[in-house]
Structures are given as structure tokens and as C-alpha cells.
Amino acid sequence: MTSRLLLVPPAIGPALREARFYDGSSSIDGAIRLTATDVPEAARVVLSPGARCRDTAEALGLRGTEAAALAPLDAGRWRGRTLAEVSETEGDALAHWLADPEHPAPGGESVHQLCTRVGHWLETLPDDRTTAVVEPDVVRATVIHALNLPPAAFWRLDVPPLTATELSGRSGRWNLRLGRPLGGQ
């Protein structure tokens, strides 16, 4: 059998628009003009913990459970602050964190740690269809792990809101289809 995973990043909200390190509380903007019929039926739906993913799943008519392994990248003491604020007060630490996937955010985690955490989750997927409404950094980490890319590629993967990134595979070998709009062919 083959595992199939559909990754859906949440709708845009204030935290994404303001380039704010996510703290789990910010939600999404307005109404989503999609329905669950725009997302293929799945045996299970899982979510990144936090309001954005919960609200997006609800707006799509999906009922799922939060998975701690799919939590977004932990920015530590930068949570809730904008990128500009952190750059102004801790520019050197931010630059080091962005440049070195092994370097953790102060009080948080590194990109490498996120990719490892999400990779462990990916390797335990059952052989059926899963839909995951997850933060963009979780989509990046999943793709990094699935394709065995270097963690340094993490910040070079662009993940638009409400798109579909699809992985299918078995025995640790994954194929990727990315970036189609939800509801599209």
C-alpha cells in the first residue's frame, strides 16, 4: 500500500501578514471561500496546534485532531514578536538562526530539530490517506525530510496559504506534488 499525505497551510491572518513569530493565538482573516469538497476525502485529518490551523480546518468543514509533532517551529522568546522587532533588538542572533539550521532560536528549537521531529511523524503514517492542516514551516520540514534535502534549504521553500502539497510513498521513498490551489485539478 501507499501512504498519501495532503498538506494544507492555513489561510492568511494577522501573524502571517505582519511577519510575526507565531505564538498559537492568532487566527485567520475573514471567510474562506472553499469547502471540504475542495479537499480529497481522507482516513484522518490532523492539525498543527494553534488557532490558525483549527480555524482553517473548521472553515473547510474538516474535523481533525491536533498533533504535537506537527507544532510549528518553536521560536522561543521571539514568539509573538515581528521579524522587524527581533531584527532590531537581536539581529545577530536572528541572522545566526536563519543561516545555520543547527542553531536554535533562544529558548526554542533549530530548523534541524523541527525537520527531525516532523520526519519521525511522517515515517509513522499508515498506508492510507491523511490530510494535515499545518503551518507553512511544518510543510517545509515535511518536504525537507521526504526528499532528503539539506535543512539549509528550509528557508528557500515558499509555501503559499491554502495550497496543496501532496506526498505519496512507502518504505521511506516519497514522491512530491506541490503548490496546487485547493479545489484545482
C-alpha atoms as a PDB file:
ATOM      1  CA  MET A   1       0.000   0.000   0.000  1.00  0.00           C
ATOM      2  CA  THR A   2       0.915   3.650  -0.363  1.00  0.00           C
ATOM      3  CA  SER A   3       0.722   6.444   2.184  1.00  0.00           C
ATOM      4  CA  ARG A   4      -0.808   9.636   0.823  1.00  0.00           C
ATOM      5  CA  LEU A   5      -0.446  12.917   2.642  1.00  0.00           C
ATOM      6  CA  LEU A   6      -2.096  16.196   1.697  1.00  0.00           C
ATOM      7  CA  LEU A   7      -0.543  19.191   3.483  1.00  0.00           C
ATOM      8  CA  VAL A   8      -2.645  22.365   3.620  1.00  0.00           C
ATOM      9  CA  PRO A   9      -1.182  25.550   5.111  1.00  0.00           C
ATOM     10  CA  PRO A  10      -3.729  27.784   6.847  1.00  0.00           C
ATOM     11  CA  ALA A  11      -5.440  30.847   5.454  1.00  0.00           C
ATOM     12  CA  ILE A  12      -3.635  34.132   5.918  1.00  0.00           C
ATOM     13  CA  GLY A  13      -4.071  36.027   9.157  1.00  0.00           C
ATOM     14  CA  PRO A  14      -2.505  38.942  11.005  1.00  0.00           C
ATOM     15  CA  ALA A  15       0.552  36.998  12.209  1.00  0.00           C
ATOM     16  CA  LEU A  16       1.485  35.899   8.675  1.00  0.00           C
ATOM     17  CA  ARG A  17       0.813  39.323   7.178  1.00  0.00           C
ATOM     18  CA  GLU A  18       2.895  41.060   9.870  1.00  0.00           C
ATOM     19  CA  ALA A  19       5.781  38.533   9.633  1.00  0.00           C
ATOM     20  CA  ARG A  20       5.216  37.772  13.311  1.00  0.00           C
ATOM     21  CA  PHE A  21       6.683  34.706  15.007  1.00  0.00           C
ATOM     22  CA  TYR A  22       3.637  32.564  15.643  1.00  0.00           C
ATOM     23  CA  ASP A  23       2.524  32.126  19.231  1.00  0.00           C
ATOM     24  CA  GLY A  24      -0.512  29.920  18.564  1.00  0.00           C
ATOM     25  CA  SER A  25      -3.153  32.546  19.312  1.00  0.00           C
ATOM     26  CA  SER A  26      -3.528  34.455  16.043  1.00  0.00           C
ATOM     27  CA  SER A  27      -6.374  33.351  13.812  1.00  0.00           C
ATOM     28  CA  ILE A  28      -7.249  33.782  10.133  1.00  0.00           C
ATOM     29  CA  ASP A  29      -8.838  36.617   8.177  1.00  0.00           C
ATOM     30  CA  GLY A  30     -12.464  36.548   7.100  1.00  0.00           C
ATOM     31  CA  ALA A  31     -14.280  33.780   5.323  1.00  0.00           C
ATOM     32  CA  ILE A  32     -12.553  31.093   3.319  1.00  0.00           C
ATOM     33  CA  ARG A  33     -14.272  30.534   0.003  1.00  0.00           C
ATOM     34  CA  LEU A  34     -13.559  26.825  -0.074  1.00  0.00           C
ATOM     35  CA  THR A  35     -15.356  23.809   1.310  1.00  0.00           C
ATOM     36  CA  ALA A  36     -14.427  20.285   2.315  1.00  0.00           C
ATOM     37  CA  THR A  37     -15.303  19.211  -1.240  1.00  0.00           C
ATOM     38  CA  ASP A  38     -12.165  21.107  -2.316  1.00  0.00           C
ATOM     39  CA  VAL A  39     -10.084  18.684  -0.227  1.00  0.00           C
ATOM     40  CA  PRO A  40      -9.994  14.964  -1.088  1.00  0.00           C
ATOM     41  CA  GLU A  41     -11.573  12.645   1.475  1.00  0.00           C
ATOM     42  CA  ALA A  42      -9.054  11.205   3.918  1.00  0.00           C
ATOM     43  CA  ALA A  43      -8.986   8.485   6.553  1.00  0.00           C
ATOM     44  CA  ARG A  44      -7.750  11.048   9.093  1.00  0.00           C
ATOM     45  CA  VAL A  45      -7.286  14.786   9.492  1.00  0.00           C
ATOM     46  CA  VAL A  46      -4.529  16.139  11.711  1.00  0.00           C
ATOM     47  CA  LEU A  47      -3.681  19.720  12.620  1.00  0.00           C
ATOM     48  CA  SER A  48      -0.769  21.794  13.824  1.00  0.00           C
ATOM     49  CA  PRO A  49      -1.666  23.050  17.303  1.00  0.00           C
ATOM     50  CA  GLY A  50      -2.946  26.624  17.205  1.00  0.00           C
ATOM     51  CA  ALA A  51      -5.848  28.803  16.208  1.00  0.00           C
ATOM     52  CA  ARG A  52      -4.916  29.329  12.541  1.00  0.00           C
ATOM     53  CA  CYS A  53      -4.944  25.642  11.658  1.00  0.00           C
ATOM     54  CA  ARG A  54      -8.007  24.903  13.785  1.00  0.00           C
ATOM     55  CA  ASP A  55      -9.935  27.790  12.188  1.00  0.00           C
ATOM     56  CA  THR A  56      -8.831  26.863   8.663  1.00  0.00           C
ATOM     57  CA  ALA A  57      -9.859  23.219   9.127  1.00  0.00           C
ATOM     58  CA  GLU A  58     -13.207  24.321  10.534  1.00  0.00           C
ATOM     59  CA  ALA A  59     -13.761  26.731   7.622  1.00  0.00           C
ATOM     60  CA  LEU A  60     -13.029  23.862   5.218  1.00  0.00           C
ATOM     61  CA  GLY A  61     -15.506  21.657   7.053  1.00  0.00           C
ATOM     62  CA  LEU A  62     -12.782  19.308   8.287  1.00  0.00           C
ATOM     63  CA  ARG A  63     -12.721  17.768  11.741  1.00  0.00           C
ATOM     64  CA  GLY A  64      -9.314  16.773  12.956  1.00  0.00           C
ATOM     65  CA  THR A  65      -7.114  16.322  15.967  1.00  0.00           C
ATOM     66  CA  GLU A  66      -4.067  18.340  16.886  1.00  0.00           C
ATOM     67  CA  ALA A  67      -0.756  16.512  16.706  1.00  0.00           C
ATOM     68  CA  ALA A  68       2.045  17.816  18.934  1.00  0.00           C
ATOM     69  CA  ALA A  69       4.640  16.502  16.460  1.00  0.00           C
ATOM     70  CA  LEU A  70       3.211  18.940  13.893  1.00  0.00           C
ATOM     71  CA  ALA A  71       3.644  22.032  16.060  1.00  0.00           C
ATOM     72  CA  PRO A  72       5.275  24.931  14.227  1.00  0.00           C
ATOM     73  CA  LEU A  73       8.925  25.842  14.647  1.00  0.00           C
ATOM     74  CA  ASP A  74       9.399  26.969  18.248  1.00  0.00           C
ATOM     75  CA  ALA A  75      10.825  30.491  18.098  1.00  0.00           C
ATOM     76  CA  GLY A  76      11.386  30.560  21.860  1.00  0.00           C
ATOM     77  CA  ARG A  77      11.476  34.040  23.335  1.00  0.00           C
ATOM     78  CA  TRP A  78      10.725  35.564  19.923  1.00  0.00           C
ATOM     79  CA  ARG A  79       7.164  34.153  19.908  1.00  0.00           C
ATOM     80  CA  GLY A  80       4.606  36.886  19.217  1.00  0.00           C
ATOM     81  CA  ARG A  81       7.221  39.422  18.062  1.00  0.00           C
ATOM     82  CA  THR A  82       7.627  40.609  14.483  1.00  0.00           C
ATOM     83  CA  LEU A  83      10.680  39.775  12.431  1.00  0.00           C
ATOM     84  CA  ALA A  84      11.487  43.519  12.319  1.00  0.00           C
ATOM     85  CA  GLU A  85      11.344  43.797  16.130  1.00  0.00           C
ATOM     86  CA  VAL A  86      13.635  40.824  16.635  1.00  0.00           C
ATOM     87  CA  SER A  87      15.989  42.042  13.915  1.00  0.00           C
ATOM     88  CA  GLU A  88      16.257  45.410  15.638  1.00  0.00           C
ATOM     89  CA  THR A  89      16.946  44.051  19.121  1.00  0.00           C
ATOM     90  CA  GLU A  90      18.664  40.705  18.423  1.00  0.00           C
ATOM     91  CA  GLY A  91      19.882  40.986  14.845  1.00  0.00           C
ATOM     92  CA  ASP A  92      22.996  38.852  15.276  1.00  0.00           C
ATOM     93  CA  ALA A  93      21.116  36.006  16.981  1.00  0.00           C
ATOM     94  CA  LEU A  94      18.392  36.135  14.325  1.00  0.00           C
ATOM     95  CA  ALA A  95      20.922  36.101  11.490  1.00  0.00           C
ATOM     96  CA  HIS A  96      22.695  33.109  13.048  1.00  0.00           C
ATOM     97  CA  TRP A  97      19.400  31.237  13.487  1.00  0.00           C
ATOM     98  CA  LEU A  98      18.366  31.918   9.881  1.00  0.00           C
ATOM     99  CA  ALA A  99      21.780  30.954   8.461  1.00  0.00           C
ATOM    100  CA  ASP A 100      22.516  27.838  10.498  1.00  0.00           C
ATOM    101  CA  PRO A 101      19.841  25.109  10.587  1.00  0.00           C
ATOM    102  CA  GLU A 102      21.569  23.575  13.644  1.00  0.00           C
ATOM    103  CA  HIS A 103      21.334  26.799  15.688  1.00  0.00           C
ATOM    104  CA  PRO A 104      18.202  27.012  17.877  1.00  0.00           C
ATOM    105  CA  ALA A 105      16.200  30.163  18.475  1.00  0.00           C
ATOM    106  CA  PRO A 106      16.817  31.461  22.033  1.00  0.00           C
ATOM    107  CA  GLY A 107      14.712  29.178  24.227  1.00  0.00           C
ATOM    108  CA  GLY A 108      13.312  27.456  21.135  1.00  0.00           C
ATOM    109  CA  GLU A 109      14.400  24.961  18.538  1.00  0.00           C
ATOM    110  CA  SER A 110      16.520  24.779  15.406  1.00  0.00           C
ATOM    111  CA  VAL A 111      15.300  24.112  11.886  1.00  0.00           C
ATOM    112  CA  HIS A 112      17.116  20.774  12.058  1.00  0.00           C
ATOM    113  CA  GLN A 113      15.196  19.824  15.219  1.00  0.00           C
ATOM    114  CA  LEU A 114      11.890  20.717  13.542  1.00  0.00           C
ATOM    115  CA  CYS A 115      12.748  18.673  10.443  1.00  0.00           C
ATOM    116  CA  THR A 116      13.708  15.693  12.607  1.00  0.00           C
ATOM    117  CA  ARG A 117      10.529  15.923  14.717  1.00  0.00           C
ATOM    118  CA  VAL A 118       8.252  16.182  11.683  1.00  0.00           C
ATOM    119  CA  GLY A 119      10.246  13.493   9.862  1.00  0.00           C
ATOM    120  CA  HIS A 120       9.639  10.998  12.677  1.00  0.00           C
ATOM    121  CA  TRP A 121       5.913  11.716  12.408  1.00  0.00           C
ATOM    122  CA  LEU A 122       5.971  11.300   8.612  1.00  0.00           C
ATOM    123  CA  GLU A 123       7.628   7.900   8.839  1.00  0.00           C
ATOM    124  CA  THR A 124       4.822   6.609  11.076  1.00  0.00           C
ATOM    125  CA  LEU A 125       1.994   7.414   8.644  1.00  0.00           C
ATOM    126  CA  PRO A 126      -0.253   4.456   7.916  1.00  0.00           C
ATOM    127  CA  ASP A 127      -0.817   3.223   4.378  1.00  0.00           C
ATOM    128  CA  ASP A 128      -3.875   5.291   3.537  1.00  0.00           C
ATOM    129  CA  ARG A 129      -4.814   8.956   3.029  1.00  0.00           C
ATOM    130  CA  THR A 130      -4.118  11.693   5.593  1.00  0.00           C
ATOM    131  CA  THR A 131      -4.927  15.401   5.351  1.00  0.00           C
ATOM    132  CA  ALA A 132      -2.858  17.705   7.535  1.00  0.00           C
ATOM    133  CA  VAL A 133      -3.732  21.379   8.046  1.00  0.00           C
ATOM    134  CA  VAL A 134      -0.349  22.593   9.218  1.00  0.00           C
ATOM    135  CA  GLU A 135       1.741  25.731   9.495  1.00  0.00           C
ATOM    136  CA  PRO A 136       3.958  26.607   6.490  1.00  0.00           C
ATOM    137  CA  ASP A 137       7.133  25.708   8.387  1.00  0.00           C
ATOM    138  CA  VAL A 138       5.739  22.210   9.001  1.00  0.00           C
ATOM    139  CA  VAL A 139       5.106  21.850   5.254  1.00  0.00           C
ATOM    140  CA  ARG A 140       8.737  22.884   4.630  1.00  0.00           C
ATOM    141  CA  ALA A 141      10.061  20.442   7.240  1.00  0.00           C
ATOM    142  CA  THR A 142       7.974  17.602   5.792  1.00  0.00           C
ATOM    143  CA  VAL A 143       9.274  18.235   2.272  1.00  0.00           C
ATOM    144  CA  ILE A 144      12.868  18.531   3.548  1.00  0.00           C
ATOM    145  CA  HIS A 145      12.576  15.143   5.247  1.00  0.00           C
ATOM    146  CA  ALA A 146      10.629  13.373   2.493  1.00  0.00           C
ATOM    147  CA  LEU A 147      13.072  14.366  -0.246  1.00  0.00           C
ATOM    148  CA  ASN A 148      16.146  14.075   1.977  1.00  0.00           C
ATOM    149  CA  LEU A 149      17.045  17.708   1.289  1.00  0.00           C
ATOM    150  CA  PRO A 150      19.605  19.514   3.427  1.00  0.00           C
ATOM    151  CA  PRO A 151      17.953  21.510   6.242  1.00  0.00           C
ATOM    152  CA  ALA A 152      19.722  24.599   4.832  1.00  0.00           C
ATOM    153  CA  ALA A 153      17.093  24.538   2.026  1.00  0.00           C
ATOM    154  CA  PHE A 154      14.304  25.149   4.582  1.00  0.00           C
ATOM    155  CA  TRP A 155      14.036  28.944   4.182  1.00  0.00           C
ATOM    156  CA  ARG A 156      14.162  28.629   0.384  1.00  0.00           C
ATOM    157  CA  LEU A 157      10.840  26.766   0.166  1.00  0.00           C
ATOM    158  CA  ASP A 158       7.912  29.127  -0.317  1.00  0.00           C
ATOM    159  CA  VAL A 159       4.564  27.851   0.994  1.00  0.00           C
ATOM    160  CA  PRO A 160       1.550  29.981  -0.015  1.00  0.00           C
ATOM    161  CA  PRO A 161      -1.587  29.881   2.153  1.00  0.00           C
ATOM    162  CA  LEU A 162      -4.368  27.441   1.224  1.00  0.00           C
ATOM    163  CA  THR A 163      -2.420  25.401  -1.303  1.00  0.00           C
ATOM    164  CA  ALA A 164      -1.985  21.651  -1.542  1.00  0.00           C
ATOM    165  CA  THR A 165       1.350  19.917  -1.176  1.00  0.00           C
ATOM    166  CA  GLU A 166       0.961  16.203  -1.743  1.00  0.00           C
ATOM    167  CA  LEU A 167       3.301  13.387  -0.779  1.00  0.00           C
ATOM    168  CA  SER A 168       2.833   9.752  -1.665  1.00  0.00           C
ATOM    169  CA  GLY A 169       5.125   6.879  -0.942  1.00  0.00           C
ATOM    170  CA  ARG A 170       6.083   3.810   1.003  1.00  0.00           C
ATOM    171  CA  SER A 171       9.181   2.372   2.644  1.00  0.00           C
ATOM    172  CA  GLY A 172      10.705   5.830   3.121  1.00  0.00           C
ATOM    173  CA  ARG A 173      10.554   6.753  -0.584  1.00  0.00           C
ATOM    174  CA  TRP A 174       8.351   9.769  -1.247  1.00  0.00           C
ATOM    175  CA  ASN A 175       7.068  11.499  -4.355  1.00  0.00           C
ATOM    176  CA  LEU A 176       6.077  15.159  -4.249  1.00  0.00           C
ATOM    177  CA  ARG A 177       3.392  17.222  -5.931  1.00  0.00           C
ATOM    178  CA  LEU A 178       3.348  20.768  -4.631  1.00  0.00           C
ATOM    179  CA  GLY A 179       1.638  24.092  -4.720  1.00  0.00           C
ATOM    180  CA  ARG A 180      -1.659  23.434  -6.479  1.00  0.00           C
ATOM    181  CA  PRO A 181      -4.526  25.647  -5.309  1.00  0.00           C
ATOM    182  CA  LEU A 182      -7.176  23.882  -3.287  1.00  0.00           C
ATOM    183  CA  GLY A 183     -10.153  22.978  -5.433  1.00  0.00           C
ATOM    184  CA  GLY A 184      -7.917  22.761  -8.510  1.00  0.00           C
ATOM    185  CA  GLN A 185      -7.107  19.725 -10.584  1.00  0.00           C
END
